[in-house]
N, C-alpha and C. Protein backbone atom coordinates (compact mmCIF):
# COMPACT_ATOMS: atom_id res chain seq x y z
N MET A 1 15.64 -54.46 11.83
CA MET A 1 14.59 -53.60 11.33
C MET A 1 15.23 -52.35 10.70
N ASN A 2 14.62 -51.83 9.70
CA ASN A 2 15.07 -50.65 8.98
C ASN A 2 15.17 -49.45 9.92
N LYS A 3 16.28 -48.70 9.84
CA LYS A 3 16.48 -47.54 10.72
C LYS A 3 15.39 -46.48 10.56
N LYS A 4 14.93 -46.29 9.32
CA LYS A 4 13.88 -45.28 9.10
C LYS A 4 12.58 -45.68 9.80
N ILE A 5 12.25 -46.94 9.75
CA ILE A 5 11.04 -47.43 10.42
C ILE A 5 11.17 -47.27 11.93
N LEU A 6 12.34 -47.65 12.46
CA LEU A 6 12.59 -47.48 13.89
C LEU A 6 12.46 -46.02 14.29
N ARG A 7 13.06 -45.13 13.50
CA ARG A 7 13.00 -43.70 13.79
C ARG A 7 11.55 -43.23 13.85
N ILE A 8 10.74 -43.66 12.90
CA ILE A 8 9.32 -43.26 12.88
C ILE A 8 8.60 -43.78 14.11
N VAL A 9 8.87 -45.03 14.49
CA VAL A 9 8.24 -45.62 15.68
C VAL A 9 8.63 -44.82 16.92
N PHE A 10 9.94 -44.53 17.07
CA PHE A 10 10.40 -43.77 18.24
C PHE A 10 9.79 -42.37 18.27
N ILE A 11 9.69 -41.73 17.13
CA ILE A 11 9.11 -40.37 17.06
C ILE A 11 7.63 -40.41 17.42
N ILE A 12 6.91 -41.40 16.93
CA ILE A 12 5.48 -41.52 17.26
C ILE A 12 5.31 -41.74 18.76
N LEU A 13 6.12 -42.61 19.34
CA LEU A 13 6.04 -42.84 20.79
C LEU A 13 6.38 -41.58 21.57
N LEU A 14 7.42 -40.87 21.13
CA LEU A 14 7.84 -39.64 21.80
C LEU A 14 6.74 -38.58 21.73
N ILE A 15 6.16 -38.39 20.56
CA ILE A 15 5.08 -37.41 20.41
C ILE A 15 3.88 -37.81 21.27
N SER A 16 3.64 -39.09 21.38
CA SER A 16 2.54 -39.56 22.24
C SER A 16 2.80 -39.19 23.70
N ILE A 17 4.02 -39.35 24.16
CA ILE A 17 4.37 -38.97 25.54
C ILE A 17 4.24 -37.46 25.70
N TYR A 18 4.75 -36.69 24.73
CA TYR A 18 4.60 -35.23 24.79
C TYR A 18 3.11 -34.84 24.85
N ALA A 19 2.29 -35.51 24.07
CA ALA A 19 0.85 -35.21 24.06
C ALA A 19 0.22 -35.55 25.40
N LEU A 20 0.64 -36.66 25.99
CA LEU A 20 0.12 -37.05 27.31
C LEU A 20 0.51 -36.01 28.37
N ILE A 21 1.75 -35.56 28.33
CA ILE A 21 2.22 -34.52 29.25
C ILE A 21 1.39 -33.26 29.05
N PHE A 22 1.18 -32.86 27.80
CA PHE A 22 0.40 -31.66 27.50
C PHE A 22 -1.04 -31.82 28.02
N TYR A 23 -1.60 -33.01 27.84
CA TYR A 23 -2.97 -33.28 28.32
C TYR A 23 -3.04 -33.12 29.84
N PHE A 24 -2.11 -33.74 30.55
CA PHE A 24 -2.12 -33.63 32.01
C PHE A 24 -1.93 -32.18 32.45
N SER A 25 -1.06 -31.46 31.76
CA SER A 25 -0.80 -30.06 32.12
C SER A 25 -1.96 -29.14 31.78
N SER A 26 -2.82 -29.57 30.87
CA SER A 26 -3.97 -28.76 30.48
C SER A 26 -5.14 -28.88 31.45
N GLN A 27 -5.06 -29.85 32.35
CA GLN A 27 -6.14 -30.00 33.33
C GLN A 27 -6.09 -28.85 34.33
N ASN A 28 -7.28 -28.34 34.71
CA ASN A 28 -7.27 -27.28 35.70
C ASN A 28 -6.83 -27.86 37.05
N GLY A 29 -6.56 -26.99 37.99
CA GLY A 29 -6.03 -27.40 39.28
C GLY A 29 -6.90 -28.42 39.99
N GLU A 30 -8.21 -28.23 39.95
CA GLU A 30 -9.13 -29.14 40.63
C GLU A 30 -9.11 -30.53 39.99
N ASP A 31 -9.19 -30.58 38.66
CA ASP A 31 -9.18 -31.88 37.96
C ASP A 31 -7.85 -32.60 38.19
N SER A 32 -6.76 -31.87 38.12
CA SER A 32 -5.45 -32.46 38.32
C SER A 32 -5.32 -33.02 39.74
N SER A 33 -5.79 -32.25 40.70
CA SER A 33 -5.73 -32.68 42.10
C SER A 33 -6.63 -33.90 42.33
N ASN A 34 -7.80 -33.90 41.71
CA ASN A 34 -8.71 -35.05 41.85
C ASN A 34 -8.08 -36.32 41.26
N LEU A 35 -7.40 -36.17 40.13
CA LEU A 35 -6.77 -37.31 39.48
C LEU A 35 -5.67 -37.90 40.36
N SER A 36 -4.74 -37.05 40.79
CA SER A 36 -3.64 -37.55 41.61
C SER A 36 -4.11 -37.96 43.00
N GLY A 37 -5.06 -37.21 43.56
CA GLY A 37 -5.61 -37.56 44.87
C GLY A 37 -6.34 -38.89 44.85
N GLY A 38 -7.11 -39.13 43.79
CA GLY A 38 -7.82 -40.40 43.65
C GLY A 38 -6.85 -41.56 43.54
N LEU A 39 -5.78 -41.35 42.79
CA LEU A 39 -4.76 -42.40 42.63
C LEU A 39 -4.08 -42.68 43.97
N VAL A 40 -3.78 -41.63 44.71
CA VAL A 40 -3.15 -41.78 46.02
C VAL A 40 -4.05 -42.58 46.96
N ARG A 41 -5.33 -42.24 47.00
CA ARG A 41 -6.25 -42.97 47.88
C ARG A 41 -6.32 -44.45 47.52
N LYS A 42 -6.32 -44.77 46.22
CA LYS A 42 -6.34 -46.17 45.79
C LYS A 42 -5.07 -46.89 46.20
N ILE A 43 -3.93 -46.23 46.05
CA ILE A 43 -2.65 -46.84 46.42
C ILE A 43 -2.60 -47.07 47.93
N LEU A 44 -2.99 -46.07 48.70
CA LEU A 44 -2.99 -46.21 50.16
C LEU A 44 -3.91 -47.33 50.61
N TYR A 45 -5.07 -47.41 49.99
CA TYR A 45 -6.03 -48.49 50.31
C TYR A 45 -5.43 -49.85 49.97
N ALA A 46 -4.80 -49.94 48.79
CA ALA A 46 -4.20 -51.22 48.36
C ALA A 46 -3.06 -51.63 49.29
N LEU A 47 -2.34 -50.66 49.82
CA LEU A 47 -1.23 -50.95 50.73
C LEU A 47 -1.69 -51.14 52.17
N GLY A 48 -2.97 -50.89 52.42
CA GLY A 48 -3.50 -51.03 53.77
C GLY A 48 -3.08 -49.92 54.71
N ILE A 49 -2.72 -48.77 54.15
CA ILE A 49 -2.29 -47.62 54.96
C ILE A 49 -3.52 -46.77 55.26
N VAL A 50 -3.66 -46.43 56.54
CA VAL A 50 -4.78 -45.59 56.96
C VAL A 50 -4.61 -44.22 56.33
N SER A 51 -5.64 -43.78 55.64
CA SER A 51 -5.57 -42.53 54.90
C SER A 51 -6.06 -41.36 55.74
N ASN A 52 -5.27 -40.30 55.76
CA ASN A 52 -5.69 -39.03 56.35
C ASN A 52 -5.13 -37.91 55.47
N MET A 53 -5.52 -36.70 55.74
CA MET A 53 -5.14 -35.58 54.88
C MET A 53 -3.62 -35.43 54.76
N LYS A 54 -2.90 -35.59 55.89
CA LYS A 54 -1.45 -35.42 55.86
C LYS A 54 -0.79 -36.53 55.04
N THR A 55 -1.21 -37.77 55.26
CA THR A 55 -0.66 -38.90 54.51
C THR A 55 -0.95 -38.74 53.03
N GLU A 56 -2.19 -38.38 52.69
CA GLU A 56 -2.56 -38.19 51.29
C GLU A 56 -1.75 -37.07 50.65
N SER A 57 -1.53 -36.00 51.38
CA SER A 57 -0.78 -34.86 50.86
C SER A 57 0.66 -35.26 50.54
N ILE A 58 1.29 -35.98 51.44
CA ILE A 58 2.68 -36.42 51.24
C ILE A 58 2.76 -37.36 50.03
N PHE A 59 1.85 -38.34 49.99
CA PHE A 59 1.86 -39.31 48.89
C PHE A 59 1.51 -38.64 47.56
N GLU A 60 0.67 -37.62 47.59
CA GLU A 60 0.31 -36.93 46.36
C GLU A 60 1.53 -36.23 45.76
N VAL A 61 2.33 -35.61 46.61
CA VAL A 61 3.56 -34.96 46.12
C VAL A 61 4.49 -36.01 45.52
N ILE A 62 4.62 -37.15 46.19
CA ILE A 62 5.50 -38.22 45.70
C ILE A 62 4.99 -38.74 44.35
N ILE A 63 3.68 -38.98 44.25
CA ILE A 63 3.09 -39.48 43.00
C ILE A 63 3.31 -38.49 41.87
N ARG A 64 3.09 -37.21 42.14
CA ARG A 64 3.27 -36.19 41.10
C ARG A 64 4.72 -36.12 40.62
N LYS A 65 5.66 -36.17 41.56
CA LYS A 65 7.08 -36.11 41.18
C LYS A 65 7.50 -37.37 40.43
N LEU A 66 6.99 -38.53 40.86
CA LEU A 66 7.28 -39.77 40.14
C LEU A 66 6.71 -39.74 38.72
N ALA A 67 5.55 -39.13 38.56
CA ALA A 67 4.95 -39.00 37.23
C ALA A 67 5.84 -38.13 36.35
N HIS A 68 6.30 -37.00 36.89
CA HIS A 68 7.21 -36.13 36.14
C HIS A 68 8.46 -36.91 35.74
N PHE A 69 9.09 -37.53 36.73
CA PHE A 69 10.32 -38.27 36.49
C PHE A 69 10.11 -39.35 35.42
N SER A 70 9.06 -40.15 35.58
CA SER A 70 8.82 -41.29 34.69
C SER A 70 8.54 -40.86 33.25
N LEU A 71 7.68 -39.87 33.09
CA LEU A 71 7.35 -39.42 31.73
C LEU A 71 8.58 -38.84 31.03
N TYR A 72 9.36 -38.06 31.74
CA TYR A 72 10.54 -37.47 31.11
C TYR A 72 11.69 -38.47 30.98
N PHE A 73 11.71 -39.50 31.82
CA PHE A 73 12.64 -40.62 31.64
C PHE A 73 12.38 -41.24 30.27
N LEU A 74 11.10 -41.50 29.98
CA LEU A 74 10.72 -42.05 28.67
C LEU A 74 11.09 -41.11 27.53
N CYS A 75 10.88 -39.80 27.75
CA CYS A 75 11.24 -38.82 26.71
C CYS A 75 12.74 -38.85 26.42
N GLY A 76 13.56 -38.89 27.47
CA GLY A 76 15.01 -38.95 27.28
C GLY A 76 15.42 -40.21 26.54
N LEU A 77 14.87 -41.31 26.95
CA LEU A 77 15.16 -42.60 26.33
C LEU A 77 14.74 -42.61 24.86
N LEU A 78 13.51 -42.19 24.59
CA LEU A 78 12.98 -42.25 23.22
C LEU A 78 13.69 -41.27 22.28
N LEU A 79 14.00 -40.09 22.76
CA LEU A 79 14.67 -39.14 21.88
C LEU A 79 16.10 -39.61 21.57
N TYR A 80 16.77 -40.17 22.57
CA TYR A 80 18.11 -40.72 22.32
C TYR A 80 18.02 -41.87 21.31
N LEU A 81 17.05 -42.75 21.49
CA LEU A 81 16.87 -43.85 20.53
C LEU A 81 16.59 -43.31 19.12
N THR A 82 15.82 -42.23 19.05
CA THR A 82 15.55 -41.61 17.75
C THR A 82 16.86 -41.14 17.11
N PHE A 83 17.70 -40.49 17.90
CA PHE A 83 18.96 -39.98 17.36
C PHE A 83 19.95 -41.09 16.99
N ILE A 84 19.81 -42.26 17.60
CA ILE A 84 20.66 -43.39 17.24
C ILE A 84 20.44 -43.78 15.78
N THR A 85 19.23 -43.56 15.31
CA THR A 85 18.90 -43.94 13.93
C THR A 85 19.37 -42.88 12.92
N THR A 86 20.09 -41.87 13.40
CA THR A 86 20.61 -40.81 12.52
C THR A 86 22.13 -40.91 12.46
N LYS A 87 22.74 -39.99 11.74
CA LYS A 87 24.20 -39.98 11.61
C LYS A 87 24.87 -39.01 12.58
N LEU A 88 24.14 -38.56 13.59
CA LEU A 88 24.72 -37.64 14.57
C LEU A 88 25.83 -38.33 15.37
N GLU A 89 26.81 -37.54 15.77
CA GLU A 89 27.89 -38.04 16.62
C GLU A 89 27.36 -38.31 18.03
N GLY A 90 28.03 -39.18 18.77
CA GLY A 90 27.60 -39.61 20.10
C GLY A 90 27.29 -38.48 21.07
N LYS A 91 28.22 -37.50 21.18
CA LYS A 91 28.02 -36.40 22.12
C LYS A 91 26.79 -35.57 21.77
N PHE A 92 26.59 -35.34 20.48
CA PHE A 92 25.45 -34.53 20.05
C PHE A 92 24.13 -35.25 20.34
N LYS A 93 24.13 -36.57 20.24
CA LYS A 93 22.92 -37.34 20.56
C LYS A 93 22.52 -37.10 22.02
N VAL A 94 23.51 -37.15 22.88
CA VAL A 94 23.25 -36.95 24.32
C VAL A 94 22.80 -35.51 24.58
N ILE A 95 23.57 -34.56 24.06
CA ILE A 95 23.27 -33.15 24.30
C ILE A 95 21.89 -32.78 23.76
N LEU A 96 21.60 -33.16 22.53
CA LEU A 96 20.29 -32.84 21.93
C LEU A 96 19.14 -33.54 22.65
N SER A 97 19.36 -34.78 23.07
CA SER A 97 18.31 -35.50 23.79
C SER A 97 17.94 -34.78 25.08
N ILE A 98 18.95 -34.29 25.77
CA ILE A 98 18.70 -33.58 27.02
C ILE A 98 18.13 -32.19 26.74
N LEU A 99 18.76 -31.45 25.84
CA LEU A 99 18.36 -30.07 25.57
C LEU A 99 16.91 -29.97 25.06
N ILE A 100 16.58 -30.75 24.07
CA ILE A 100 15.22 -30.68 23.49
C ILE A 100 14.17 -31.03 24.54
N ASN A 101 14.44 -32.07 25.33
CA ASN A 101 13.47 -32.46 26.35
C ASN A 101 13.37 -31.44 27.49
N VAL A 102 14.48 -30.83 27.85
CA VAL A 102 14.42 -29.78 28.88
C VAL A 102 13.62 -28.59 28.37
N LEU A 103 13.83 -28.25 27.10
CA LEU A 103 13.04 -27.15 26.52
C LEU A 103 11.55 -27.48 26.56
N TYR A 104 11.20 -28.73 26.29
CA TYR A 104 9.79 -29.12 26.37
C TYR A 104 9.30 -29.04 27.82
N ALA A 105 10.13 -29.44 28.77
CA ALA A 105 9.76 -29.36 30.19
C ALA A 105 9.51 -27.91 30.60
N VAL A 106 10.37 -27.00 30.15
CA VAL A 106 10.19 -25.57 30.45
C VAL A 106 8.90 -25.07 29.80
N PHE A 107 8.69 -25.42 28.53
CA PHE A 107 7.45 -25.06 27.84
C PHE A 107 6.24 -25.58 28.62
N ASP A 108 6.31 -26.80 29.10
CA ASP A 108 5.21 -27.41 29.85
C ASP A 108 4.90 -26.61 31.12
N GLU A 109 5.93 -26.21 31.83
CA GLU A 109 5.71 -25.43 33.06
C GLU A 109 5.17 -24.04 32.75
N ILE A 110 5.63 -23.42 31.68
CA ILE A 110 5.08 -22.12 31.25
C ILE A 110 3.61 -22.30 30.87
N HIS A 111 3.32 -23.36 30.13
CA HIS A 111 1.94 -23.66 29.73
C HIS A 111 1.02 -23.75 30.96
N GLN A 112 1.50 -24.38 32.02
CA GLN A 112 0.68 -24.53 33.23
C GLN A 112 0.35 -23.19 33.89
N CYS A 113 1.18 -22.19 33.66
CA CYS A 113 0.92 -20.85 34.23
C CYS A 113 -0.36 -20.25 33.67
N PHE A 114 -0.82 -20.73 32.53
CA PHE A 114 -2.02 -20.20 31.88
C PHE A 114 -3.27 -21.05 32.15
N ILE A 115 -3.13 -22.07 33.00
CA ILE A 115 -4.24 -22.96 33.32
C ILE A 115 -4.77 -22.60 34.71
N VAL A 116 -6.08 -22.48 34.82
CA VAL A 116 -6.72 -22.11 36.09
C VAL A 116 -6.34 -23.11 37.19
N GLY A 117 -5.85 -22.55 38.30
CA GLY A 117 -5.52 -23.38 39.45
C GLY A 117 -4.18 -24.10 39.34
N ARG A 118 -3.41 -23.79 38.31
CA ARG A 118 -2.10 -24.44 38.13
C ARG A 118 -1.01 -23.37 38.15
N SER A 119 0.22 -23.80 38.34
CA SER A 119 1.36 -22.89 38.28
C SER A 119 2.56 -23.67 37.76
N GLY A 120 3.47 -22.94 37.14
CA GLY A 120 4.71 -23.55 36.68
C GLY A 120 5.72 -23.55 37.81
N LYS A 121 6.48 -24.63 37.93
CA LYS A 121 7.46 -24.73 39.01
C LYS A 121 8.81 -25.15 38.46
N MET A 122 9.83 -24.39 38.80
CA MET A 122 11.19 -24.75 38.39
C MET A 122 11.60 -26.09 39.00
N ALA A 123 11.11 -26.36 40.20
CA ALA A 123 11.43 -27.65 40.85
C ALA A 123 10.99 -28.81 39.97
N ASP A 124 9.85 -28.67 39.29
CA ASP A 124 9.39 -29.73 38.40
C ASP A 124 10.32 -29.89 37.20
N VAL A 125 10.86 -28.78 36.71
CA VAL A 125 11.81 -28.86 35.60
C VAL A 125 13.06 -29.64 36.03
N PHE A 126 13.49 -29.45 37.27
CA PHE A 126 14.65 -30.19 37.77
C PHE A 126 14.35 -31.68 37.91
N VAL A 127 13.13 -32.01 38.35
CA VAL A 127 12.71 -33.42 38.42
C VAL A 127 12.67 -33.98 37.00
N ASP A 128 12.12 -33.21 36.06
CA ASP A 128 12.07 -33.63 34.66
C ASP A 128 13.47 -33.87 34.12
N LEU A 129 14.38 -32.93 34.39
CA LEU A 129 15.77 -33.04 33.94
C LEU A 129 16.42 -34.32 34.48
N THR A 130 16.15 -34.62 35.73
CA THR A 130 16.69 -35.85 36.33
C THR A 130 16.17 -37.08 35.60
N GLY A 131 14.89 -37.08 35.29
CA GLY A 131 14.31 -38.19 34.53
C GLY A 131 14.91 -38.31 33.15
N ILE A 132 15.09 -37.18 32.48
CA ILE A 132 15.67 -37.16 31.13
C ILE A 132 17.08 -37.75 31.15
N ILE A 133 17.89 -37.25 32.05
CA ILE A 133 19.28 -37.73 32.14
C ILE A 133 19.31 -39.22 32.46
N CYS A 134 18.49 -39.65 33.39
CA CYS A 134 18.45 -41.08 33.74
C CYS A 134 18.01 -41.92 32.54
N GLY A 135 17.04 -41.44 31.78
CA GLY A 135 16.59 -42.17 30.59
C GLY A 135 17.71 -42.33 29.58
N VAL A 136 18.45 -41.25 29.35
CA VAL A 136 19.57 -41.29 28.39
C VAL A 136 20.67 -42.22 28.91
N VAL A 137 21.01 -42.09 30.18
CA VAL A 137 22.07 -42.92 30.76
C VAL A 137 21.69 -44.40 30.74
N VAL A 138 20.45 -44.70 31.08
CA VAL A 138 20.01 -46.10 31.09
C VAL A 138 20.09 -46.72 29.70
N ILE A 139 19.62 -46.01 28.68
CA ILE A 139 19.65 -46.59 27.33
C ILE A 139 21.09 -46.73 26.83
N ILE A 140 21.96 -45.79 27.17
CA ILE A 140 23.37 -45.92 26.79
C ILE A 140 23.98 -47.13 27.49
N ALA A 141 23.70 -47.31 28.78
CA ALA A 141 24.23 -48.45 29.53
C ALA A 141 23.72 -49.78 28.95
N ILE A 142 22.44 -49.83 28.62
CA ILE A 142 21.86 -51.05 28.05
C ILE A 142 22.53 -51.36 26.71
N MET A 143 22.73 -50.34 25.89
CA MET A 143 23.36 -50.55 24.58
C MET A 143 24.80 -51.01 24.72
N LYS A 144 25.54 -50.43 25.66
CA LYS A 144 26.93 -50.86 25.88
C LYS A 144 26.98 -52.29 26.40
N LEU A 145 26.07 -52.62 27.29
CA LEU A 145 25.99 -53.98 27.81
C LEU A 145 25.68 -54.96 26.69
N TYR A 146 24.71 -54.61 25.86
CA TYR A 146 24.32 -55.46 24.73
C TYR A 146 25.50 -55.64 23.77
N LYS A 147 26.20 -54.55 23.45
CA LYS A 147 27.35 -54.63 22.54
C LYS A 147 28.45 -55.49 23.16
N GLY A 148 28.66 -55.34 24.47
CA GLY A 148 29.67 -56.15 25.15
C GLY A 148 29.32 -57.62 25.13
N LEU A 149 28.06 -57.93 25.37
CA LEU A 149 27.63 -59.33 25.33
C LEU A 149 27.73 -59.90 23.93
N SER A 150 27.36 -59.09 22.93
CA SER A 150 27.46 -59.53 21.53
C SER A 150 28.90 -59.78 21.13
N LYS A 151 29.79 -58.90 21.59
CA LYS A 151 31.21 -59.04 21.27
C LYS A 151 31.77 -60.30 21.92
N ASN A 152 31.41 -60.56 23.18
CA ASN A 152 31.87 -61.77 23.87
C ASN A 152 31.34 -63.01 23.18
N LYS A 153 30.10 -62.98 22.73
CA LYS A 153 29.50 -64.11 22.04
C LYS A 153 30.24 -64.40 20.73
N GLU A 154 30.57 -63.33 19.99
CA GLU A 154 31.32 -63.49 18.73
C GLU A 154 32.70 -64.06 18.99
N GLU A 155 33.37 -63.60 20.05
CA GLU A 155 34.70 -64.10 20.39
C GLU A 155 34.64 -65.57 20.76
N ASN A 156 33.61 -65.97 21.49
CA ASN A 156 33.45 -67.37 21.88
C ASN A 156 33.17 -68.26 20.68
N VAL A 157 32.46 -67.74 19.69
CA VAL A 157 32.16 -68.51 18.48
C VAL A 157 33.45 -68.73 17.68
N LYS A 158 34.32 -67.71 17.63
CA LYS A 158 35.56 -67.81 16.87
C LYS A 158 36.51 -68.85 17.47
N GLU A 159 36.46 -69.04 18.76
CA GLU A 159 37.37 -69.99 19.43
C GLU A 159 36.94 -71.36 19.15
């Protein structure tokens, strides 16, 4: 597929994830809590775990942190894939993928400070950073694995 088309697809997906993050962060504290709390109750019910306030509270924190990690994992992966379609050097692709996404994570936490019932948390930025780094590392590992397999396949064909 054409690199320009791939770049556009990756950018559209990345902007969609950024928009989803912004949407979730724009919810007031009550709506946000209802969303994650409702999800927790459904998960606990599906797992057959007896639900109480303490259990729900613990699972809600886990769900929220997993959401942060997962969304920013995708951001790290997608931004790195976007940079692959450019002429940037390898190190700059990694650095920019992490830096730009961390800046968005910081912006997101600052944005939450202006939403009723919400607050920005540095701990969330660290969870986001972990997701970003994991996303970049995973896509690099997959690409190296793919290149290694392709190289082995070519060598086997030559023999």
